[in-house]
All heavy atoms as atom14 arrays in JSON, in Angstrom:
{
  "sequence": "SVEFSDLGEPDVELAAAELGLPVRYSATAREPDLHEHL",
  "atom14_mask": [
    [1, 1, 1, 1, 1, 1, 0, 0, 0, 0, 0, 0, 0, 0],
    [1, 1, 1, 1, 1, 1, 1, 0, 0, 0, 0, 0, 0, 0],
    [1, 1, 1, 1, 1, 1, 1, 1, 1, 0, 0, 0, 0, 0],
    [1, 1, 1, 1, 1, 1, 1, 1, 1, 1, 1, 0, 0, 0],
    [1, 1, 1, 1, 1, 1, 0, 0, 0, 0, 0, 0, 0, 0],
    [1, 1, 1, 1, 1, 1, 1, 1, 0, 0, 0, 0, 0, 0],
    [1, 1, 1, 1, 1, 1, 1, 1, 0, 0, 0, 0, 0, 0],
    [1, 1, 1, 1, 0, 0, 0, 0, 0, 0, 0, 0, 0, 0],
    [1, 1, 1, 1, 1, 1, 1, 1, 1, 0, 0, 0, 0, 0],
    [1, 1, 1, 1, 1, 1, 1, 0, 0, 0, 0, 0, 0, 0],
    [1, 1, 1, 1, 1, 1, 1, 1, 0, 0, 0, 0, 0, 0],
    [1, 1, 1, 1, 1, 1, 1, 0, 0, 0, 0, 0, 0, 0],
    [1, 1, 1, 1, 1, 1, 1, 1, 1, 0, 0, 0, 0, 0],
    [1, 1, 1, 1, 1, 1, 1, 1, 0, 0, 0, 0, 0, 0],
    [1, 1, 1, 1, 1, 0, 0, 0, 0, 0, 0, 0, 0, 0],
    [1, 1, 1, 1, 1, 0, 0, 0, 0, 0, 0, 0, 0, 0],
    [1, 1, 1, 1, 1, 0, 0, 0, 0, 0, 0, 0, 0, 0],
    [1, 1, 1, 1, 1, 1, 1, 1, 1, 0, 0, 0, 0, 0],
    [1, 1, 1, 1, 1, 1, 1, 1, 0, 0, 0, 0, 0, 0],
    [1, 1, 1, 1, 0, 0, 0, 0, 0, 0, 0, 0, 0, 0],
    [1, 1, 1, 1, 1, 1, 1, 1, 0, 0, 0, 0, 0, 0],
    [1, 1, 1, 1, 1, 1, 1, 0, 0, 0, 0, 0, 0, 0],
    [1, 1, 1, 1, 1, 1, 1, 0, 0, 0, 0, 0, 0, 0],
    [1, 1, 1, 1, 1, 1, 1, 1, 1, 1, 1, 0, 0, 0],
    [1, 1, 1, 1, 1, 1, 1, 1, 1, 1, 1, 1, 0, 0],
    [1, 1, 1, 1, 1, 1, 0, 0, 0, 0, 0, 0, 0, 0],
    [1, 1, 1, 1, 1, 0, 0, 0, 0, 0, 0, 0, 0, 0],
    [1, 1, 1, 1, 1, 1, 1, 0, 0, 0, 0, 0, 0, 0],
    [1, 1, 1, 1, 1, 0, 0, 0, 0, 0, 0, 0, 0, 0],
    [1, 1, 1, 1, 1, 1, 1, 1, 1, 1, 1, 0, 0, 0],
    [1, 1, 1, 1, 1, 1, 1, 1, 1, 0, 0, 0, 0, 0],
    [1, 1, 1, 1, 1, 1, 1, 0, 0, 0, 0, 0, 0, 0],
    [1, 1, 1, 1, 1, 1, 1, 1, 0, 0, 0, 0, 0, 0],
    [1, 1, 1, 1, 1, 1, 1, 1, 0, 0, 0, 0, 0, 0],
    [1, 1, 1, 1, 1, 1, 1, 1, 1, 1, 0, 0, 0, 0],
    [1, 1, 1, 1, 1, 1, 1, 1, 1, 0, 0, 0, 0, 0],
    [1, 1, 1, 1, 1, 1, 1, 1, 1, 1, 0, 0, 0, 0],
    [1, 1, 1, 1, 1, 1, 1, 1, 0, 0, 0, 0, 0, 0]
  ],
  "atom14_positions": [
    [[96.8, -85.52, 142.66], [97.25, -86.1, 141.4], [96.86, -85.17, 140.25], [96.01, -84.28, 140.4], [96.61, -87.47, 141.19], [95.21, -87.34, 141.0], [0.0, 0.0, 0.0], [0.0, 0.0, 0.0], [0.0, 0.0, 0.0], [0.0, 0.0, 0.0], [0.0, 0.0, 0.0], [0.0, 0.0, 0.0], [0.0, 0.0, 0.0], [0.0, 0.0, 0.0]],
    [[97.49, -85.36, 139.1], [97.2, -84.48, 137.96], [95.76, -84.63, 137.5], [95.21, -83.73, 136.85], [98.16, -84.76, 136.77], [99.57, -84.36, 137.14], [98.09, -86.22, 136.35], [0.0, 0.0, 0.0], [0.0, 0.0, 0.0], [0.0, 0.0, 0.0], [0.0, 0.0, 0.0], [0.0, 0.0, 0.0], [0.0, 0.0, 0.0], [0.0, 0.0, 0.0]],
    [[95.11, -85.75, 137.84], [93.71, -85.94, 137.45], [92.77, -85.12, 138.32], [91.57, -85.07, 138.05], [93.34, -87.43, 137.56], [94.06, -88.34, 136.58], [95.45, -88.71, 137.04], [95.76, -88.48, 138.24], [96.23, -89.22, 136.23], [0.0, 0.0, 0.0], [0.0, 0.0, 0.0], [0.0, 0.0, 0.0], [0.0, 0.0, 0.0], [0.0, 0.0, 0.0]],
    [[93.3, -84.47, 139.36], [92.46, -83.76, 140.32], [91.73, -82.59, 139.67], [90.61, -82.26, 140.05], [93.33, -83.25, 141.48], [92.58, -82.5, 142.53], [91.83, -83.17, 143.49], [92.61, -81.11, 142.57], [91.14, -82.46, 144.47], [91.93, -80.41, 143.54], [91.19, -81.09, 144.49], [0.0, 0.0, 0.0], [0.0, 0.0, 0.0], [0.0, 0.0, 0.0]],
    [[92.35, -81.9, 138.71], [91.72, -80.75, 138.07], [91.87, -80.83, 136.56], [92.68, -81.6, 136.03], [92.34, -79.44, 138.58], [93.6, -79.23, 137.97], [0.0, 0.0, 0.0], [0.0, 0.0, 0.0], [0.0, 0.0, 0.0], [0.0, 0.0, 0.0], [0.0, 0.0, 0.0], [0.0, 0.0, 0.0], [0.0, 0.0, 0.0], [0.0, 0.0, 0.0]],
    [[91.09, -80.02, 135.87], [91.16, -79.97, 134.41], [92.53, -79.49, 133.93], [92.95, -79.79, 132.82], [90.07, -79.04, 133.86], [88.68, -79.59, 134.1], [88.56, -80.81, 134.27], [87.72, -78.8, 134.14], [0.0, 0.0, 0.0], [0.0, 0.0, 0.0], [0.0, 0.0, 0.0], [0.0, 0.0, 0.0], [0.0, 0.0, 0.0], [0.0, 0.0, 0.0]],
    [[93.21, -78.71, 134.78], [94.5, -78.16, 134.39], [95.6, -79.21, 134.44], [96.6, -79.1, 133.73], [94.87, -76.98, 135.31], [93.91, -75.79, 135.27], [94.36, -74.74, 136.27], [93.84, -75.2, 133.87], [0.0, 0.0, 0.0], [0.0, 0.0, 0.0], [0.0, 0.0, 0.0], [0.0, 0.0, 0.0], [0.0, 0.0, 0.0], [0.0, 0.0, 0.0]],
    [[95.44, -80.24, 135.28], [96.43, -81.29, 135.38], [97.81, -80.75, 135.71], [98.74, -80.85, 134.92], [0.0, 0.0, 0.0], [0.0, 0.0, 0.0], [0.0, 0.0, 0.0], [0.0, 0.0, 0.0], [0.0, 0.0, 0.0], [0.0, 0.0, 0.0], [0.0, 0.0, 0.0], [0.0, 0.0, 0.0], [0.0, 0.0, 0.0], [0.0, 0.0, 0.0]],
    [[97.97, -80.19, 136.91], [99.2, -79.5, 137.28], [100.14, -80.4, 138.09], [99.89, -80.66, 139.26], [98.87, -78.25, 138.1], [97.97, -77.26, 137.36], [97.51, -76.12, 138.25], [98.28, -75.16, 138.4], [96.4, -76.21, 138.78], [0.0, 0.0, 0.0], [0.0, 0.0, 0.0], [0.0, 0.0, 0.0], [0.0, 0.0, 0.0], [0.0, 0.0, 0.0]],
    [[101.24, -80.89, 137.51], [102.17, -81.76, 138.23], [103.31, -81.01, 138.91], [104.29, -81.62, 139.33], [102.73, -82.63, 137.1], [102.79, -81.68, 135.94], [101.59, -80.75, 136.09], [0.0, 0.0, 0.0], [0.0, 0.0, 0.0], [0.0, 0.0, 0.0], [0.0, 0.0, 0.0], [0.0, 0.0, 0.0], [0.0, 0.0, 0.0], [0.0, 0.0, 0.0]],
    [[103.19, -79.68, 139.05], [104.32, -78.84, 139.48], [104.91, -79.27, 140.82], [106.13, -79.35, 140.97], [103.88, -77.37, 139.55], [103.22, -76.89, 138.28], [102.08, -77.3, 138.01], [103.84, -76.11, 137.56], [0.0, 0.0, 0.0], [0.0, 0.0, 0.0], [0.0, 0.0, 0.0], [0.0, 0.0, 0.0], [0.0, 0.0, 0.0], [0.0, 0.0, 0.0]],
    [[104.07, -79.52, 141.81], [104.57, -79.88, 143.13], [105.27, -81.24, 143.08], [106.34, -81.42, 143.69], [103.42, -79.9, 144.16], [103.86, -80.56, 145.46], [102.96, -78.47, 144.44], [0.0, 0.0, 0.0], [0.0, 0.0, 0.0], [0.0, 0.0, 0.0], [0.0, 0.0, 0.0], [0.0, 0.0, 0.0], [0.0, 0.0, 0.0], [0.0, 0.0, 0.0]],
    [[104.72, -82.17, 142.35], [105.35, -83.48, 142.19], [106.75, -83.33, 141.58], [107.72, -83.96, 142.03], [104.48, -84.36, 141.3], [105.06, -85.72, 141.02], [104.2, -86.52, 140.05], [103.15, -86.01, 139.61], [104.6, -87.66, 139.73], [0.0, 0.0, 0.0], [0.0, 0.0, 0.0], [0.0, 0.0, 0.0], [0.0, 0.0, 0.0], [0.0, 0.0, 0.0]],
    [[106.86, -82.5, 140.55], [108.16, -82.29, 139.9], [109.15, -81.6, 140.84], [110.33, -81.97, 140.89], [107.97, -81.46, 138.63], [107.16, -82.13, 137.51], [106.91, -81.14, 136.38], [107.85, -83.38, 137.0], [0.0, 0.0, 0.0], [0.0, 0.0, 0.0], [0.0, 0.0, 0.0], [0.0, 0.0, 0.0], [0.0, 0.0, 0.0], [0.0, 0.0, 0.0]],
    [[108.66, -80.61, 141.59], [109.54, -79.91, 142.53], [110.05, -80.85, 143.61], [111.23, -80.82, 143.98], [108.8, -78.73, 143.16], [0.0, 0.0, 0.0], [0.0, 0.0, 0.0], [0.0, 0.0, 0.0], [0.0, 0.0, 0.0], [0.0, 0.0, 0.0], [0.0, 0.0, 0.0], [0.0, 0.0, 0.0], [0.0, 0.0, 0.0], [0.0, 0.0, 0.0]],
    [[109.17, -81.71, 144.11], [109.58, -82.67, 145.14], [110.64, -83.63, 144.6], [111.6, -83.98, 145.3], [108.37, -83.44, 145.64], [0.0, 0.0, 0.0], [0.0, 0.0, 0.0], [0.0, 0.0, 0.0], [0.0, 0.0, 0.0], [0.0, 0.0, 0.0], [0.0, 0.0, 0.0], [0.0, 0.0, 0.0], [0.0, 0.0, 0.0], [0.0, 0.0, 0.0]],
    [[110.46, -84.05, 143.34], [111.45, -84.95, 142.73], [112.8, -84.26, 142.61], [113.85, -84.86, 142.89], [110.96, -85.41, 141.36], [0.0, 0.0, 0.0], [0.0, 0.0, 0.0], [0.0, 0.0, 0.0], [0.0, 0.0, 0.0], [0.0, 0.0, 0.0], [0.0, 0.0, 0.0], [0.0, 0.0, 0.0], [0.0, 0.0, 0.0], [0.0, 0.0, 0.0]],
    [[112.79, -83.0, 142.22], [114.04, -82.24, 142.11], [114.75, -82.14, 143.46], [115.98, -82.19, 143.54], [113.76, -80.83, 141.59], [113.27, -80.76, 140.17], [112.75, -79.37, 139.82], [113.0, -78.43, 140.61], [112.1, -79.23, 138.77], [0.0, 0.0, 0.0], [0.0, 0.0, 0.0], [0.0, 0.0, 0.0], [0.0, 0.0, 0.0], [0.0, 0.0, 0.0]],
    [[113.95, -82.01, 144.52], [114.5, -81.82, 145.86], [114.76, -83.14, 146.58], [115.27, -83.14, 147.71], [113.53, -80.96, 146.69], [113.32, -79.53, 146.18], [112.07, -78.91, 146.82], [114.55, -78.67, 146.47], [0.0, 0.0, 0.0], [0.0, 0.0, 0.0], [0.0, 0.0, 0.0], [0.0, 0.0, 0.0], [0.0, 0.0, 0.0], [0.0, 0.0, 0.0]],
    [[114.39, -84.24, 145.95], [114.59, -85.54, 146.57], [113.68, -85.79, 147.75], [114.07, -86.47, 148.71], [0.0, 0.0, 0.0], [0.0, 0.0, 0.0], [0.0, 0.0, 0.0], [0.0, 0.0, 0.0], [0.0, 0.0, 0.0], [0.0, 0.0, 0.0], [0.0, 0.0, 0.0], [0.0, 0.0, 0.0], [0.0, 0.0, 0.0], [0.0, 0.0, 0.0]],
    [[112.45, -85.29, 147.7], [111.52, -85.4, 148.81], [110.45, -86.44, 148.53], [109.98, -86.57, 147.4], [110.85, -84.03, 149.08], [111.79, -82.89, 149.43], [111.01, -81.57, 149.48], [112.48, -83.15, 150.76], [0.0, 0.0, 0.0], [0.0, 0.0, 0.0], [0.0, 0.0, 0.0], [0.0, 0.0, 0.0], [0.0, 0.0, 0.0], [0.0, 0.0, 0.0]],
    [[110.03, -87.19, 149.55], [108.97, -88.19, 149.35], [107.63, -87.5, 149.07], [107.32, -86.45, 149.64], [108.94, -88.94, 150.68], [109.52, -88.0, 151.68], [110.53, -87.17, 150.94], [0.0, 0.0, 0.0], [0.0, 0.0, 0.0], [0.0, 0.0, 0.0], [0.0, 0.0, 0.0], [0.0, 0.0, 0.0], [0.0, 0.0, 0.0], [0.0, 0.0, 0.0]],
    [[106.85, -88.12, 148.18], [105.56, -87.56, 147.75], [104.45, -88.56, 148.01], [104.62, -89.77, 147.83], [105.59, -87.2, 146.25], [104.23, -86.65, 145.81], [106.67, -86.2, 145.95], [0.0, 0.0, 0.0], [0.0, 0.0, 0.0], [0.0, 0.0, 0.0], [0.0, 0.0, 0.0], [0.0, 0.0, 0.0], [0.0, 0.0, 0.0], [0.0, 0.0, 0.0]],
    [[103.32, -88.02, 148.42], [102.12, -88.84, 148.55], [100.96, -88.05, 147.94], [100.96, -86.81, 147.95], [101.85, -89.16, 150.03], [100.67, -90.08, 150.23], [100.67, -90.71, 151.58], [99.44, -91.47, 151.77], [99.27, -92.37, 152.72], [100.27, -92.67, 153.55], [98.12, -93.02, 152.84], [0.0, 0.0, 0.0], [0.0, 0.0, 0.0], [0.0, 0.0, 0.0]],
    [[99.96, -88.78, 147.4], [98.85, -88.12, 146.71], [97.55, -88.32, 147.48], [97.29, -89.38, 148.05], [98.69, -88.7, 145.3], [99.95, -88.58, 144.47], [100.87, -89.62, 144.45], [100.22, -87.42, 143.76], [102.04, -89.51, 143.72], [101.38, -87.3, 143.02], [102.29, -88.35, 143.01], [103.45, -88.23, 142.3], [0.0, 0.0, 0.0], [0.0, 0.0, 0.0]],
    [[96.74, -87.28, 147.47], [95.43, -87.36, 148.11], [94.54, -86.26, 147.54], [95.02, -85.18, 147.19], [95.55, -87.19, 149.63], [94.26, -87.19, 150.24], [0.0, 0.0, 0.0], [0.0, 0.0, 0.0], [0.0, 0.0, 0.0], [0.0, 0.0, 0.0], [0.0, 0.0, 0.0], [0.0, 0.0, 0.0], [0.0, 0.0, 0.0], [0.0, 0.0, 0.0]],
    [[93.25, -86.52, 147.46], [92.31, -85.49, 147.03], [91.8, -84.69, 148.22], [91.58, -83.49, 148.14], [91.13, -86.12, 146.29], [0.0, 0.0, 0.0], [0.0, 0.0, 0.0], [0.0, 0.0, 0.0], [0.0, 0.0, 0.0], [0.0, 0.0, 0.0], [0.0, 0.0, 0.0], [0.0, 0.0, 0.0], [0.0, 0.0, 0.0], [0.0, 0.0, 0.0]],
    [[91.61, -85.37, 149.37], [90.94, -84.73, 150.51], [91.71, -84.82, 151.82], [91.3, -84.21, 152.81], [89.57, -85.37, 150.73], [89.76, -86.77, 151.06], [88.7, -85.26, 149.47], [0.0, 0.0, 0.0], [0.0, 0.0, 0.0], [0.0, 0.0, 0.0], [0.0, 0.0, 0.0], [0.0, 0.0, 0.0], [0.0, 0.0, 0.0], [0.0, 0.0, 0.0]],
    [[92.8, -85.58, 151.87], [93.58, -85.82, 153.1], [92.72, -86.46, 154.19], [92.95, -86.25, 155.38], [94.19, -84.51, 153.61], [0.0, 0.0, 0.0], [0.0, 0.0, 0.0], [0.0, 0.0, 0.0], [0.0, 0.0, 0.0], [0.0, 0.0, 0.0], [0.0, 0.0, 0.0], [0.0, 0.0, 0.0], [0.0, 0.0, 0.0], [0.0, 0.0, 0.0]],
    [[91.76, -87.28, 153.79], [90.87, -87.92, 154.76], [91.16, -89.41, 154.98], [90.48, -90.07, 155.77], [89.4, -87.75, 154.33], [88.96, -86.28, 154.35], [87.47, -86.13, 154.1], [87.08, -84.72, 154.18], [86.86, -84.05, 155.3], [86.96, -84.68, 156.47], [86.53, -82.78, 155.27], [0.0, 0.0, 0.0], [0.0, 0.0, 0.0], [0.0, 0.0, 0.0]],
    [[92.15, -89.95, 154.31], [92.43, -91.38, 154.41], [93.02, -91.72, 155.8], [93.99, -91.11, 156.22], [93.41, -91.8, 153.32], [92.93, -91.55, 151.91], [93.25, -90.16, 151.4], [93.62, -89.28, 152.22], [93.13, -89.94, 150.19], [0.0, 0.0, 0.0], [0.0, 0.0, 0.0], [0.0, 0.0, 0.0], [0.0, 0.0, 0.0], [0.0, 0.0, 0.0]],
    [[92.46, -92.71, 156.51], [92.97, -93.07, 157.83], [94.45, -93.47, 157.82], [95.18, -93.16, 158.76], [92.08, -94.25, 158.24], [90.8, -94.03, 157.49], [91.21, -93.44, 156.17], [0.0, 0.0, 0.0], [0.0, 0.0, 0.0], [0.0, 0.0, 0.0], [0.0, 0.0, 0.0], [0.0, 0.0, 0.0], [0.0, 0.0, 0.0], [0.0, 0.0, 0.0]],
    [[94.89, -94.16, 156.76], [96.29, -94.56, 156.72], [97.21, -93.36, 156.54], [98.35, -93.36, 157.03], [96.54, -95.59, 155.62], [96.29, -95.04, 154.22], [95.27, -94.35, 154.02], [97.12, -95.31, 153.33], [0.0, 0.0, 0.0], [0.0, 0.0, 0.0], [0.0, 0.0, 0.0], [0.0, 0.0, 0.0], [0.0, 0.0, 0.0], [0.0, 0.0, 0.0]],
    [[96.72, -92.32, 155.87], [97.49, -91.08, 155.76], [97.63, -90.44, 157.14], [98.73, -89.98, 157.52], [96.82, -90.1, 154.79], [97.4, -88.68, 154.76], [98.86, -88.69, 154.3], [96.56, -87.77, 153.86], [0.0, 0.0, 0.0], [0.0, 0.0, 0.0], [0.0, 0.0, 0.0], [0.0, 0.0, 0.0], [0.0, 0.0, 0.0], [0.0, 0.0, 0.0]],
    [[96.56, -90.41, 157.9], [96.6, -89.83, 159.24], [97.61, -90.56, 160.11], [98.38, -89.95, 160.87], [95.22, -89.87, 159.89], [94.19, -89.1, 159.13], [92.88, -89.0, 159.53], [94.27, -88.36, 157.98], [92.19, -88.26, 158.67], [93.02, -87.87, 157.72], [0.0, 0.0, 0.0], [0.0, 0.0, 0.0], [0.0, 0.0, 0.0], [0.0, 0.0, 0.0]],
    [[97.62, -91.89, 160.0], [98.57, -92.69, 160.78], [100.01, -92.38, 160.36], [100.91, -92.25, 161.2], [98.27, -94.17, 160.61], [99.16, -95.09, 161.43], [99.05, -94.81, 162.92], [97.96, -94.41, 163.39], [100.07, -94.99, 163.63], [0.0, 0.0, 0.0], [0.0, 0.0, 0.0], [0.0, 0.0, 0.0], [0.0, 0.0, 0.0], [0.0, 0.0, 0.0]],
    [[100.21, -92.24, 159.05], [101.53, -91.9, 158.52], [102.0, -90.55, 159.06], [103.15, -90.4, 159.49], [101.49, -91.89, 156.99], [102.83, -91.73, 156.35], [102.98, -91.45, 155.01], [104.09, -91.78, 156.84], [104.26, -91.36, 154.72], [104.95, -91.56, 155.82], [0.0, 0.0, 0.0], [0.0, 0.0, 0.0], [0.0, 0.0, 0.0], [0.0, 0.0, 0.0]],
    [[101.1, -89.58, 159.09], [101.46, -88.24, 159.58], [101.8, -88.29, 161.08], [102.75, -87.62, 161.52], [100.31, -87.26, 159.34], [100.0, -86.93, 157.87], [98.79, -86.02, 157.78], [101.2, -86.28, 157.19], [0.0, 0.0, 0.0], [0.0, 0.0, 0.0], [0.0, 0.0, 0.0], [0.0, 0.0, 0.0], [0.0, 0.0, 0.0], [0.0, 0.0, 0.0]]
  ]
}
């Protein structure tokens, strides 16, 4: 998420929206439900 760093970079989120791709947010990719989704 943009809150992840002081720079607040939404670039990937914007690119995914342009390409019509689903987006999910995570700081560490450690969430069990994310693993199940993958």
